[in-house]
Amino acid sequence: STQSTGVVVSPWHGVFRTIRVRGRREDCAVCGDHPTITRPISVEVGGCERGPPVSDRITAEELQTMLNPTIIDVRPAVEFGICALDRSTNYPIRPLLQGKCEVDLGSDVTIVVCRRGNDSQRAVEWLRGQYPERRFRDLIGGRWCETED
């Protein structure tokens, strides 16, 4: 089969990113055999992907008001080494999703952050499956300020 790709452009930051586009899924709400989304709609996570409920996503402003949350940063170690939130712990997304990280959960609520917000949503879904008794929240947009990148 032929691998499809797409280009994501961020004109504000001058970034071009090539992504792989997965194949069609029969059960997809957009492109599946029986689509339930048939017109453009506004969603936090679009198309075939699932993500945390909107109520479990927080803004950078909300994060700043939280008292001593556990913060997991799922960016690659090299990015984490360049800049990171105070009191955050790095668990890169790939080893995390492969179950190769022993996650230390301190507080009642764990905030998951990444660079753009996509990997943190994936990590929240995975962590919920591993630790169903815990609460995980995702930082909307990934970054915590415009100067970090």
N, C-alpha and C. Protein backbone atom coordinates (compact mmCIF):
# COMPACT_ATOMS: atom_id res chain seq x y z
N SER A 1 0.83 -1.18 0.00
CA SER A 1 0.00 0.00 0.00
C SER A 1 0.87 1.24 0.00
N THR A 2 0.34 2.30 -0.53
CA THR A 2 1.06 3.55 -0.61
C THR A 2 0.82 4.37 0.65
N GLN A 3 1.89 4.90 1.23
CA GLN A 3 1.78 5.72 2.43
C GLN A 3 1.43 7.14 2.02
N SER A 4 0.37 7.70 2.59
CA SER A 4 -0.02 9.07 2.30
C SER A 4 0.64 10.00 3.31
N THR A 5 0.96 11.21 2.86
CA THR A 5 1.54 12.21 3.74
C THR A 5 0.82 13.53 3.55
N GLY A 6 0.98 14.38 4.53
CA GLY A 6 0.42 15.73 4.46
C GLY A 6 1.42 16.69 5.07
N VAL A 7 1.20 17.97 4.84
CA VAL A 7 2.07 19.00 5.39
C VAL A 7 1.25 19.90 6.28
N VAL A 8 1.73 20.10 7.52
CA VAL A 8 1.10 21.00 8.45
C VAL A 8 1.97 22.25 8.51
N VAL A 9 1.35 23.41 8.35
CA VAL A 9 2.09 24.66 8.32
C VAL A 9 1.65 25.54 9.49
N SER A 10 2.62 26.08 10.21
CA SER A 10 2.36 27.05 11.26
C SER A 10 2.94 28.38 10.81
N PRO A 11 2.13 29.25 10.20
CA PRO A 11 2.67 30.51 9.68
C PRO A 11 3.16 31.44 10.78
N TRP A 12 2.63 31.31 11.99
CA TRP A 12 3.03 32.17 13.09
C TRP A 12 4.45 31.86 13.54
N HIS A 13 4.87 30.61 13.41
CA HIS A 13 6.18 30.21 13.87
C HIS A 13 7.11 29.80 12.72
N GLY A 14 6.63 29.87 11.48
CA GLY A 14 7.45 29.51 10.33
C GLY A 14 7.85 28.05 10.31
N VAL A 15 6.94 27.17 10.74
CA VAL A 15 7.25 25.76 10.84
C VAL A 15 6.45 24.96 9.81
N PHE A 16 7.14 24.10 9.08
CA PHE A 16 6.52 23.15 8.18
C PHE A 16 6.77 21.77 8.76
N ARG A 17 5.75 20.94 8.80
CA ARG A 17 5.91 19.61 9.37
C ARG A 17 5.22 18.60 8.46
N THR A 18 5.94 17.57 8.07
CA THR A 18 5.37 16.51 7.25
C THR A 18 4.84 15.43 8.18
N ILE A 19 3.60 15.02 7.93
CA ILE A 19 2.99 13.98 8.75
C ILE A 19 2.53 12.83 7.87
N ARG A 20 2.49 11.63 8.46
CA ARG A 20 1.92 10.48 7.77
C ARG A 20 0.42 10.49 8.02
N VAL A 21 -0.34 10.16 7.02
CA VAL A 21 -1.78 10.08 7.14
C VAL A 21 -2.16 8.61 7.10
N ARG A 22 -2.80 8.17 8.17
CA ARG A 22 -3.17 6.76 8.25
C ARG A 22 -4.27 6.44 7.25
N GLY A 23 -4.44 5.17 7.00
CA GLY A 23 -5.48 4.73 6.08
C GLY A 23 -6.89 4.88 6.67
N ARG A 24 -7.85 4.68 5.85
CA ARG A 24 -9.25 4.79 6.23
C ARG A 24 -9.63 3.69 7.20
N ARG A 25 -10.48 4.03 8.18
CA ARG A 25 -11.02 3.04 9.13
C ARG A 25 -12.50 2.86 8.86
N GLU A 26 -12.95 1.62 8.85
CA GLU A 26 -14.36 1.34 8.59
C GLU A 26 -15.29 1.95 9.63
N ASP A 27 -14.81 2.05 10.91
CA ASP A 27 -15.66 2.56 11.99
C ASP A 27 -15.48 4.05 12.26
N CYS A 28 -14.76 4.76 11.40
CA CYS A 28 -14.50 6.18 11.60
C CYS A 28 -15.79 7.00 11.46
N ALA A 29 -15.96 7.98 12.34
CA ALA A 29 -17.16 8.84 12.30
C ALA A 29 -17.17 9.77 11.10
N VAL A 30 -16.00 9.97 10.47
CA VAL A 30 -15.92 10.88 9.32
C VAL A 30 -15.81 10.13 8.00
N CYS A 31 -14.87 9.18 7.93
CA CYS A 31 -14.60 8.53 6.64
C CYS A 31 -15.01 7.05 6.61
N GLY A 32 -15.69 6.58 7.66
CA GLY A 32 -16.05 5.17 7.74
C GLY A 32 -17.23 4.79 6.87
N ASP A 33 -17.64 3.55 6.99
CA ASP A 33 -18.75 3.03 6.20
C ASP A 33 -20.07 3.72 6.50
N HIS A 34 -20.26 4.13 7.76
CA HIS A 34 -21.50 4.80 8.18
C HIS A 34 -21.15 6.07 8.95
N PRO A 35 -20.72 7.13 8.25
CA PRO A 35 -20.26 8.34 8.94
C PRO A 35 -21.39 9.05 9.70
N THR A 36 -21.06 9.53 10.89
CA THR A 36 -22.01 10.32 11.67
C THR A 36 -21.67 11.80 11.62
N ILE A 37 -20.47 12.12 11.19
CA ILE A 37 -20.07 13.52 10.98
C ILE A 37 -20.01 13.74 9.48
N THR A 38 -20.96 14.51 8.97
CA THR A 38 -21.09 14.67 7.52
C THR A 38 -20.91 16.11 7.06
N ARG A 39 -20.63 17.01 7.99
CA ARG A 39 -20.38 18.41 7.65
C ARG A 39 -19.33 18.94 8.61
N PRO A 40 -18.68 20.05 8.26
CA PRO A 40 -17.66 20.59 9.16
C PRO A 40 -18.26 20.98 10.52
N ILE A 41 -17.57 20.60 11.58
CA ILE A 41 -17.98 20.97 12.92
C ILE A 41 -16.74 21.38 13.70
N SER A 42 -16.93 22.09 14.78
CA SER A 42 -15.83 22.50 15.63
C SER A 42 -15.64 21.44 16.72
N VAL A 43 -14.45 20.85 16.75
CA VAL A 43 -14.15 19.83 17.75
C VAL A 43 -12.76 20.07 18.31
N GLU A 44 -12.50 19.57 19.52
CA GLU A 44 -11.18 19.66 20.12
C GLU A 44 -10.21 18.72 19.41
N VAL A 45 -10.65 17.50 19.16
CA VAL A 45 -9.84 16.52 18.44
C VAL A 45 -10.71 16.04 17.30
N GLY A 46 -10.23 16.19 16.07
CA GLY A 46 -11.10 15.94 14.93
C GLY A 46 -11.07 14.54 14.39
N GLY A 47 -12.07 14.27 13.58
CA GLY A 47 -12.11 13.06 12.79
C GLY A 47 -12.10 11.77 13.58
N CYS A 48 -11.17 10.90 13.25
CA CYS A 48 -11.14 9.55 13.78
C CYS A 48 -10.53 9.45 15.16
N GLU A 49 -9.86 10.47 15.61
CA GLU A 49 -9.18 10.40 16.89
C GLU A 49 -10.13 10.68 18.04
N ARG A 50 -9.87 10.03 19.15
CA ARG A 50 -10.59 10.32 20.38
C ARG A 50 -9.64 11.11 21.25
N GLY A 51 -10.18 11.87 22.14
CA GLY A 51 -9.33 12.61 23.05
C GLY A 51 -10.03 12.76 24.37
N PRO A 52 -9.37 13.41 25.31
CA PRO A 52 -10.00 13.63 26.60
C PRO A 52 -11.26 14.48 26.44
N PRO A 53 -12.25 14.27 27.31
CA PRO A 53 -13.42 15.15 27.27
C PRO A 53 -12.98 16.60 27.45
N VAL A 54 -13.71 17.53 26.87
CA VAL A 54 -13.35 18.93 26.97
C VAL A 54 -13.18 19.35 28.43
N SER A 55 -13.98 18.78 29.34
CA SER A 55 -13.89 19.13 30.76
C SER A 55 -12.56 18.70 31.38
N ASP A 56 -11.83 17.80 30.75
CA ASP A 56 -10.55 17.35 31.27
C ASP A 56 -9.38 18.00 30.57
N ARG A 57 -9.64 19.04 29.83
CA ARG A 57 -8.58 19.80 29.19
C ARG A 57 -8.49 21.14 29.90
N ILE A 58 -7.28 21.62 30.13
CA ILE A 58 -7.12 22.88 30.84
C ILE A 58 -6.26 23.85 30.04
N THR A 59 -6.39 25.12 30.36
CA THR A 59 -5.58 26.15 29.73
C THR A 59 -4.33 26.39 30.56
N ALA A 60 -3.37 27.08 29.98
CA ALA A 60 -2.15 27.43 30.71
C ALA A 60 -2.49 28.31 31.91
N GLU A 61 -3.48 29.16 31.75
CA GLU A 61 -3.90 30.03 32.86
C GLU A 61 -4.44 29.20 34.02
N GLU A 62 -5.24 28.18 33.71
CA GLU A 62 -5.77 27.30 34.77
C GLU A 62 -4.63 26.54 35.46
N LEU A 63 -3.67 26.10 34.68
CA LEU A 63 -2.53 25.38 35.25
C LEU A 63 -1.78 26.26 36.25
N GLN A 64 -1.63 27.54 35.93
CA GLN A 64 -0.91 28.45 36.83
C GLN A 64 -1.61 28.61 38.17
N THR A 65 -2.93 28.41 38.22
CA THR A 65 -3.66 28.59 39.48
C THR A 65 -3.68 27.32 40.33
N MET A 66 -3.24 26.21 39.79
CA MET A 66 -3.29 24.94 40.52
C MET A 66 -2.17 24.87 41.56
N LEU A 67 -2.49 24.32 42.71
CA LEU A 67 -1.51 24.17 43.77
C LEU A 67 -0.80 22.83 43.66
N ASN A 68 0.47 22.87 43.34
CA ASN A 68 1.33 21.69 43.33
C ASN A 68 0.81 20.48 42.55
N PRO A 69 0.43 20.66 41.29
CA PRO A 69 -0.02 19.49 40.52
C PRO A 69 1.17 18.63 40.10
N THR A 70 0.91 17.36 39.83
CA THR A 70 1.92 16.50 39.21
C THR A 70 1.87 16.83 37.72
N ILE A 71 3.03 17.13 37.12
CA ILE A 71 3.07 17.50 35.71
C ILE A 71 3.96 16.52 34.97
N ILE A 72 3.39 15.87 33.96
CA ILE A 72 4.12 14.95 33.10
C ILE A 72 4.30 15.61 31.74
N ASP A 73 5.53 15.68 31.28
CA ASP A 73 5.85 16.26 29.98
C ASP A 73 6.23 15.10 29.06
N VAL A 74 5.49 14.92 27.97
CA VAL A 74 5.70 13.76 27.10
C VAL A 74 6.52 14.08 25.84
N ARG A 75 7.18 15.22 25.84
CA ARG A 75 8.05 15.56 24.71
C ARG A 75 9.31 14.70 24.75
N PRO A 76 10.04 14.60 23.64
CA PRO A 76 11.32 13.89 23.66
C PRO A 76 12.27 14.52 24.67
N ALA A 77 13.17 13.71 25.20
CA ALA A 77 14.09 14.18 26.25
C ALA A 77 14.91 15.39 25.81
N VAL A 78 15.30 15.45 24.55
CA VAL A 78 16.11 16.59 24.09
C VAL A 78 15.31 17.89 24.17
N GLU A 79 14.03 17.87 23.82
CA GLU A 79 13.18 19.07 23.94
C GLU A 79 12.97 19.43 25.40
N PHE A 80 12.74 18.44 26.24
CA PHE A 80 12.56 18.66 27.67
C PHE A 80 13.82 19.30 28.26
N GLY A 81 15.00 18.87 27.78
CA GLY A 81 16.26 19.42 28.26
C GLY A 81 16.46 20.88 27.90
N ILE A 82 15.84 21.33 26.82
CA ILE A 82 15.98 22.72 26.38
C ILE A 82 15.13 23.64 27.26
N CYS A 83 13.90 23.25 27.52
CA CYS A 83 13.03 24.04 28.40
C CYS A 83 11.95 23.13 28.96
N ALA A 84 11.60 23.39 30.21
CA ALA A 84 10.58 22.56 30.86
C ALA A 84 9.91 23.37 31.97
N LEU A 85 8.70 22.99 32.28
CA LEU A 85 7.99 23.60 33.39
C LEU A 85 8.63 23.19 34.70
N ASP A 86 8.62 24.09 35.68
CA ASP A 86 9.10 23.74 37.01
C ASP A 86 8.29 22.55 37.53
N ARG A 87 8.94 21.66 38.22
CA ARG A 87 8.32 20.49 38.85
C ARG A 87 7.73 19.49 37.86
N SER A 88 8.08 19.60 36.58
CA SER A 88 7.58 18.61 35.62
C SER A 88 8.57 17.46 35.50
N THR A 89 8.05 16.30 35.13
CA THR A 89 8.86 15.10 34.94
C THR A 89 8.70 14.65 33.50
N ASN A 90 9.80 14.26 32.88
CA ASN A 90 9.77 13.86 31.48
C ASN A 90 9.56 12.36 31.33
N TYR A 91 8.49 11.99 30.63
CA TYR A 91 8.22 10.62 30.21
C TYR A 91 7.94 10.70 28.71
N PRO A 92 8.96 10.56 27.85
CA PRO A 92 8.73 10.68 26.40
C PRO A 92 7.60 9.77 25.92
N ILE A 93 6.82 10.27 24.99
CA ILE A 93 5.58 9.61 24.55
C ILE A 93 5.79 8.19 24.05
N ARG A 94 6.81 7.94 23.25
CA ARG A 94 6.98 6.58 22.69
C ARG A 94 7.22 5.53 23.77
N PRO A 95 8.23 5.71 24.64
CA PRO A 95 8.42 4.71 25.69
C PRO A 95 7.23 4.63 26.65
N LEU A 96 6.58 5.76 26.88
CA LEU A 96 5.41 5.76 27.77
C LEU A 96 4.32 4.84 27.22
N LEU A 97 3.96 5.04 25.95
CA LEU A 97 2.88 4.25 25.34
C LEU A 97 3.27 2.78 25.16
N GLN A 98 4.57 2.49 25.17
CA GLN A 98 5.04 1.11 25.08
C GLN A 98 5.14 0.46 26.46
N GLY A 99 4.76 1.21 27.50
CA GLY A 99 4.81 0.69 28.86
C GLY A 99 6.20 0.57 29.43
N LYS A 100 7.15 1.32 28.87
CA LYS A 100 8.54 1.23 29.32
C LYS A 100 8.89 2.25 30.40
N CYS A 101 7.92 3.03 30.86
CA CYS A 101 8.17 4.04 31.89
C CYS A 101 7.37 3.68 33.14
N GLU A 102 8.03 3.75 34.27
CA GLU A 102 7.33 3.60 35.54
C GLU A 102 6.93 4.99 36.00
N VAL A 103 5.66 5.30 35.89
CA VAL A 103 5.17 6.65 36.13
C VAL A 103 4.96 6.88 37.62
N ASP A 104 5.53 7.99 38.11
CA ASP A 104 5.37 8.38 39.51
C ASP A 104 4.27 9.42 39.59
N LEU A 105 3.13 9.05 40.16
CA LEU A 105 1.98 9.94 40.28
C LEU A 105 1.89 10.43 41.71
N GLY A 106 2.13 11.72 41.92
CA GLY A 106 2.14 12.25 43.27
C GLY A 106 0.79 12.79 43.73
N SER A 107 0.29 13.80 43.07
CA SER A 107 -0.94 14.46 43.52
C SER A 107 -2.18 13.77 42.95
N ASP A 108 -3.35 14.24 43.39
CA ASP A 108 -4.61 13.65 42.94
C ASP A 108 -4.85 13.85 41.45
N VAL A 109 -4.40 15.00 40.93
CA VAL A 109 -4.60 15.32 39.52
C VAL A 109 -3.24 15.41 38.85
N THR A 110 -3.12 14.75 37.70
CA THR A 110 -1.88 14.81 36.93
C THR A 110 -2.15 15.56 35.63
N ILE A 111 -1.33 16.57 35.37
CA ILE A 111 -1.44 17.36 34.15
C ILE A 111 -0.42 16.82 33.16
N VAL A 112 -0.85 16.59 31.93
CA VAL A 112 0.04 16.08 30.89
C VAL A 112 0.24 17.18 29.85
N VAL A 113 1.51 17.47 29.54
CA VAL A 113 1.84 18.53 28.58
C VAL A 113 2.74 17.98 27.48
N CYS A 114 2.72 18.65 26.34
CA CYS A 114 3.62 18.32 25.24
C CYS A 114 3.88 19.60 24.46
N ARG A 115 4.31 19.50 23.25
CA ARG A 115 4.64 20.69 22.47
C ARG A 115 3.41 21.33 21.83
N ARG A 116 2.52 20.52 21.26
CA ARG A 116 1.39 21.08 20.53
C ARG A 116 0.03 20.62 21.06
N GLY A 117 -0.03 19.67 21.96
CA GLY A 117 -1.29 19.23 22.52
C GLY A 117 -1.80 17.90 22.03
N ASN A 118 -1.23 17.37 20.95
CA ASN A 118 -1.71 16.09 20.42
C ASN A 118 -1.17 14.90 21.21
N ASP A 119 0.14 14.90 21.46
CA ASP A 119 0.72 13.78 22.20
C ASP A 119 0.21 13.72 23.63
N SER A 120 -0.05 14.88 24.22
CA SER A 120 -0.55 14.86 25.60
C SER A 120 -1.95 14.25 25.65
N GLN A 121 -2.76 14.47 24.62
CA GLN A 121 -4.09 13.84 24.58
C GLN A 121 -3.96 12.32 24.48
N ARG A 122 -3.05 11.86 23.63
CA ARG A 122 -2.81 10.42 23.50
C ARG A 122 -2.33 9.83 24.82
N ALA A 123 -1.43 10.55 25.48
CA ALA A 123 -0.89 10.07 26.75
C ALA A 123 -1.97 10.00 27.82
N VAL A 124 -2.86 10.99 27.86
CA VAL A 124 -3.95 10.99 28.85
C VAL A 124 -4.82 9.76 28.65
N GLU A 125 -5.18 9.45 27.42
CA GLU A 125 -6.00 8.27 27.15
C GLU A 125 -5.29 6.99 27.61
N TRP A 126 -3.99 6.89 27.33
CA TRP A 126 -3.24 5.70 27.72
C TRP A 126 -3.13 5.61 29.24
N LEU A 127 -2.81 6.72 29.89
CA LEU A 127 -2.67 6.74 31.35
C LEU A 127 -3.98 6.38 32.04
N ARG A 128 -5.10 6.83 31.50
CA ARG A 128 -6.39 6.48 32.08
C ARG A 128 -6.63 4.98 32.05
N GLY A 129 -6.18 4.34 31.00
CA GLY A 129 -6.32 2.89 30.91
C GLY A 129 -5.43 2.16 31.92
N GLN A 130 -4.27 2.73 32.21
CA GLN A 130 -3.33 2.12 33.15
C GLN A 130 -3.67 2.42 34.60
N TYR A 131 -4.20 3.61 34.85
CA TYR A 131 -4.49 4.07 36.21
C TYR A 131 -5.92 4.62 36.27
N PRO A 132 -6.92 3.75 36.16
CA PRO A 132 -8.32 4.22 36.06
C PRO A 132 -8.81 4.97 37.30
N GLU A 133 -8.16 4.77 38.43
CA GLU A 133 -8.59 5.43 39.66
C GLU A 133 -8.05 6.87 39.77
N ARG A 134 -7.16 7.26 38.86
CA ARG A 134 -6.53 8.58 38.91
C ARG A 134 -7.18 9.54 37.93
N ARG A 135 -6.98 10.84 38.13
CA ARG A 135 -7.51 11.85 37.22
C ARG A 135 -6.36 12.48 36.46
N PHE A 136 -6.50 12.51 35.13
CA PHE A 136 -5.50 13.10 34.26
C PHE A 136 -6.14 14.22 33.46
N ARG A 137 -5.41 15.31 33.30
CA ARG A 137 -5.88 16.43 32.51
C ARG A 137 -4.82 16.79 31.48
N ASP A 138 -5.27 17.31 30.37
CA ASP A 138 -4.42 17.63 29.23
C ASP A 138 -4.35 19.14 29.07
N LEU A 139 -3.14 19.66 28.84
CA LEU A 139 -2.96 21.10 28.61
C LEU A 139 -3.30 21.42 27.16
N ILE A 140 -4.31 22.25 26.97
CA ILE A 140 -4.77 22.62 25.62
C ILE A 140 -3.65 23.32 24.87
N GLY A 141 -3.41 22.89 23.65
CA GLY A 141 -2.42 23.55 22.81
C GLY A 141 -1.00 23.13 23.09
N GLY A 142 -0.79 22.36 24.13
CA GLY A 142 0.54 21.84 24.41
C GLY A 142 1.44 22.81 25.13
N ARG A 143 1.83 23.86 24.46
CA ARG A 143 2.78 24.80 25.04
C ARG A 143 2.12 25.66 26.10
N TRP A 144 2.92 26.11 27.05
CA TRP A 144 2.41 26.91 28.15
C TRP A 144 2.62 28.39 27.95
N CYS A 145 3.43 28.78 26.96
CA CYS A 145 3.56 30.21 26.62
C CYS A 145 4.11 30.33 25.22
N GLU A 146 3.85 31.46 24.59
CA GLU A 146 4.25 31.66 23.20
C GLU A 146 5.77 31.70 23.02
N THR A 147 6.52 32.01 24.07
CA THR A 147 7.97 32.11 23.92
C THR A 147 8.66 30.77 23.99
N GLU A 148 7.98 29.72 24.43
CA GLU A 148 8.59 28.40 24.52
C GLU A 148 8.43 27.70 23.17
N ASP A 149 9.49 27.24 22.61
CA ASP A 149 9.44 26.44 21.37
C ASP A 149 10.82 26.24 20.83
